[in-house]
Amino acid sequence: MKVLRAMVFENVQNMLEITPIQDRDIPGFQVFLEPVVQWLVRELRLHGQLNDDIELSLKLDGRPLFW
């Protein structure tokens, strides 16, 4: 099971282009927006929720997002 989980995470990491932040003072990871939006639209289509307008909330720090 661990091997399967690692394989899935590695594929998602490659697909969303998740990479470590290059600045050593700020620990964390960065993600490129274009692949994330493509994934979002595919998921919305898959579940039949795709409308003409999509509202996307961006979070730029590590705090939790509360609606």
C-alpha atoms as a PDB file:
ATOM      1  CA  MET A   1       0.000   0.000   0.000  1.00  0.00           C
ATOM      2  CA  LYS A   2       2.870   2.396   0.782  1.00  0.00           C
ATOM      3  CA  VAL A   3       4.361   1.812  -2.654  1.00  0.00           C
ATOM      4  CA  LEU A   4       1.039   2.592  -4.342  1.00  0.00           C
ATOM      5  CA  ARG A   5       0.576   5.747  -2.242  1.00  0.00           C
ATOM      6  CA  ALA A   6       4.106   6.900  -3.076  1.00  0.00           C
ATOM      7  CA  MET A   7       3.517   6.249  -6.784  1.00  0.00           C
ATOM      8  CA  VAL A   8       0.246   8.218  -6.790  1.00  0.00           C
ATOM      9  CA  PHE A   9       1.825  11.117  -4.866  1.00  0.00           C
ATOM     10  CA  GLU A  10       4.796  11.176  -7.252  1.00  0.00           C
ATOM     11  CA  ASN A  11       2.471  11.344 -10.274  1.00  0.00           C
ATOM     12  CA  VAL A  12       0.405  14.138  -8.721  1.00  0.00           C
ATOM     13  CA  GLN A  13       3.587  15.979  -7.769  1.00  0.00           C
ATOM     14  CA  ASN A  14       4.833  15.769 -11.361  1.00  0.00           C
ATOM     15  CA  MET A  15       1.456  16.682 -12.879  1.00  0.00           C
ATOM     16  CA  LEU A  16       0.976  19.782 -10.694  1.00  0.00           C
ATOM     17  CA  GLU A  17       4.678  20.710 -10.905  1.00  0.00           C
ATOM     18  CA  ILE A  18       5.120  20.837  -7.122  1.00  0.00           C
ATOM     19  CA  THR A  19       8.703  21.838  -6.330  1.00  0.00           C
ATOM     20  CA  PRO A  20      10.560  23.002  -3.213  1.00  0.00           C
ATOM     21  CA  ILE A  21      10.930  26.757  -2.780  1.00  0.00           C
ATOM     22  CA  GLN A  22      14.450  27.780  -3.766  1.00  0.00           C
ATOM     23  CA  ASP A  23      14.801  30.344  -0.947  1.00  0.00           C
ATOM     24  CA  ARG A  24      16.445  28.649   2.052  1.00  0.00           C
ATOM     25  CA  ASP A  25      14.871  31.140   4.481  1.00  0.00           C
ATOM     26  CA  ILE A  26      11.334  30.075   3.555  1.00  0.00           C
ATOM     27  CA  PRO A  27      10.699  26.332   3.932  1.00  0.00           C
ATOM     28  CA  GLY A  28       7.920  24.985   1.769  1.00  0.00           C
ATOM     29  CA  PHE A  29       6.805  24.077  -1.712  1.00  0.00           C
ATOM     30  CA  GLN A  30       5.517  25.966  -4.726  1.00  0.00           C
ATOM     31  CA  VAL A  31       3.020  24.945  -7.360  1.00  0.00           C
ATOM     32  CA  PHE A  32       2.406  26.342 -10.830  1.00  0.00           C
ATOM     33  CA  LEU A  33      -1.082  27.746 -11.311  1.00  0.00           C
ATOM     34  CA  GLU A  34      -1.790  26.554 -14.875  1.00  0.00           C
ATOM     35  CA  PRO A  35      -1.683  22.775 -14.153  1.00  0.00           C
ATOM     36  CA  VAL A  36      -3.751  23.303 -10.989  1.00  0.00           C
ATOM     37  CA  VAL A  37      -6.492  25.144 -12.906  1.00  0.00           C
ATOM     38  CA  GLN A  38      -6.440  22.464 -15.615  1.00  0.00           C
ATOM     39  CA  TRP A  39      -6.896  19.797 -12.933  1.00  0.00           C
ATOM     40  CA  LEU A  40      -9.707  21.815 -11.348  1.00  0.00           C
ATOM     41  CA  VAL A  41     -11.611  22.113 -14.649  1.00  0.00           C
ATOM     42  CA  ARG A  42     -11.181  18.389 -15.361  1.00  0.00           C
ATOM     43  CA  GLU A  43     -12.545  17.502 -11.926  1.00  0.00           C
ATOM     44  CA  LEU A  44     -15.497  19.866 -12.364  1.00  0.00           C
ATOM     45  CA  ARG A  45     -16.289  18.301 -15.755  1.00  0.00           C
ATOM     46  CA  LEU A  46     -15.949  14.793 -14.334  1.00  0.00           C
ATOM     47  CA  HIS A  47     -18.492  15.507 -11.595  1.00  0.00           C
ATOM     48  CA  GLY A  48     -20.844  17.524 -13.821  1.00  0.00           C
ATOM     49  CA  GLN A  49     -20.308  20.767 -11.908  1.00  0.00           C
ATOM     50  CA  LEU A  50     -18.742  22.878 -14.674  1.00  0.00           C
ATOM     51  CA  ASN A  51     -20.506  26.226 -15.151  1.00  0.00           C
ATOM     52  CA  ASP A  52     -19.714  29.188 -17.388  1.00  0.00           C
ATOM     53  CA  ASP A  53     -18.006  30.940 -14.446  1.00  0.00           C
ATOM     54  CA  ILE A  54     -15.522  29.379 -12.038  1.00  0.00           C
ATOM     55  CA  GLU A  55     -14.624  31.081  -8.756  1.00  0.00           C
ATOM     56  CA  LEU A  56     -11.116  30.239  -7.587  1.00  0.00           C
ATOM     57  CA  SER A  57      -9.839  31.308  -4.156  1.00  0.00           C
ATOM     58  CA  LEU A  58      -6.067  31.641  -3.964  1.00  0.00           C
ATOM     59  CA  LYS A  59      -4.158  31.362  -0.699  1.00  0.00           C
ATOM     60  CA  LEU A  60      -0.657  32.758  -0.665  1.00  0.00           C
ATOM     61  CA  ASP A  61       0.555  31.656   2.768  1.00  0.00           C
ATOM     62  CA  GLY A  62       0.419  28.651   5.058  1.00  0.00           C
ATOM     63  CA  ARG A  63      -2.618  29.579   7.151  1.00  0.00           C
ATOM     64  CA  PRO A  64      -5.758  27.413   6.875  1.00  0.00           C
ATOM     65  CA  LEU A  65      -8.482  28.625   4.519  1.00  0.00           C
ATOM     66  CA  PHE A  66     -11.839  28.991   6.296  1.00  0.00           C
ATOM     67  CA  TRP A  67     -14.971  29.824   4.315  1.00  0.00           C
END
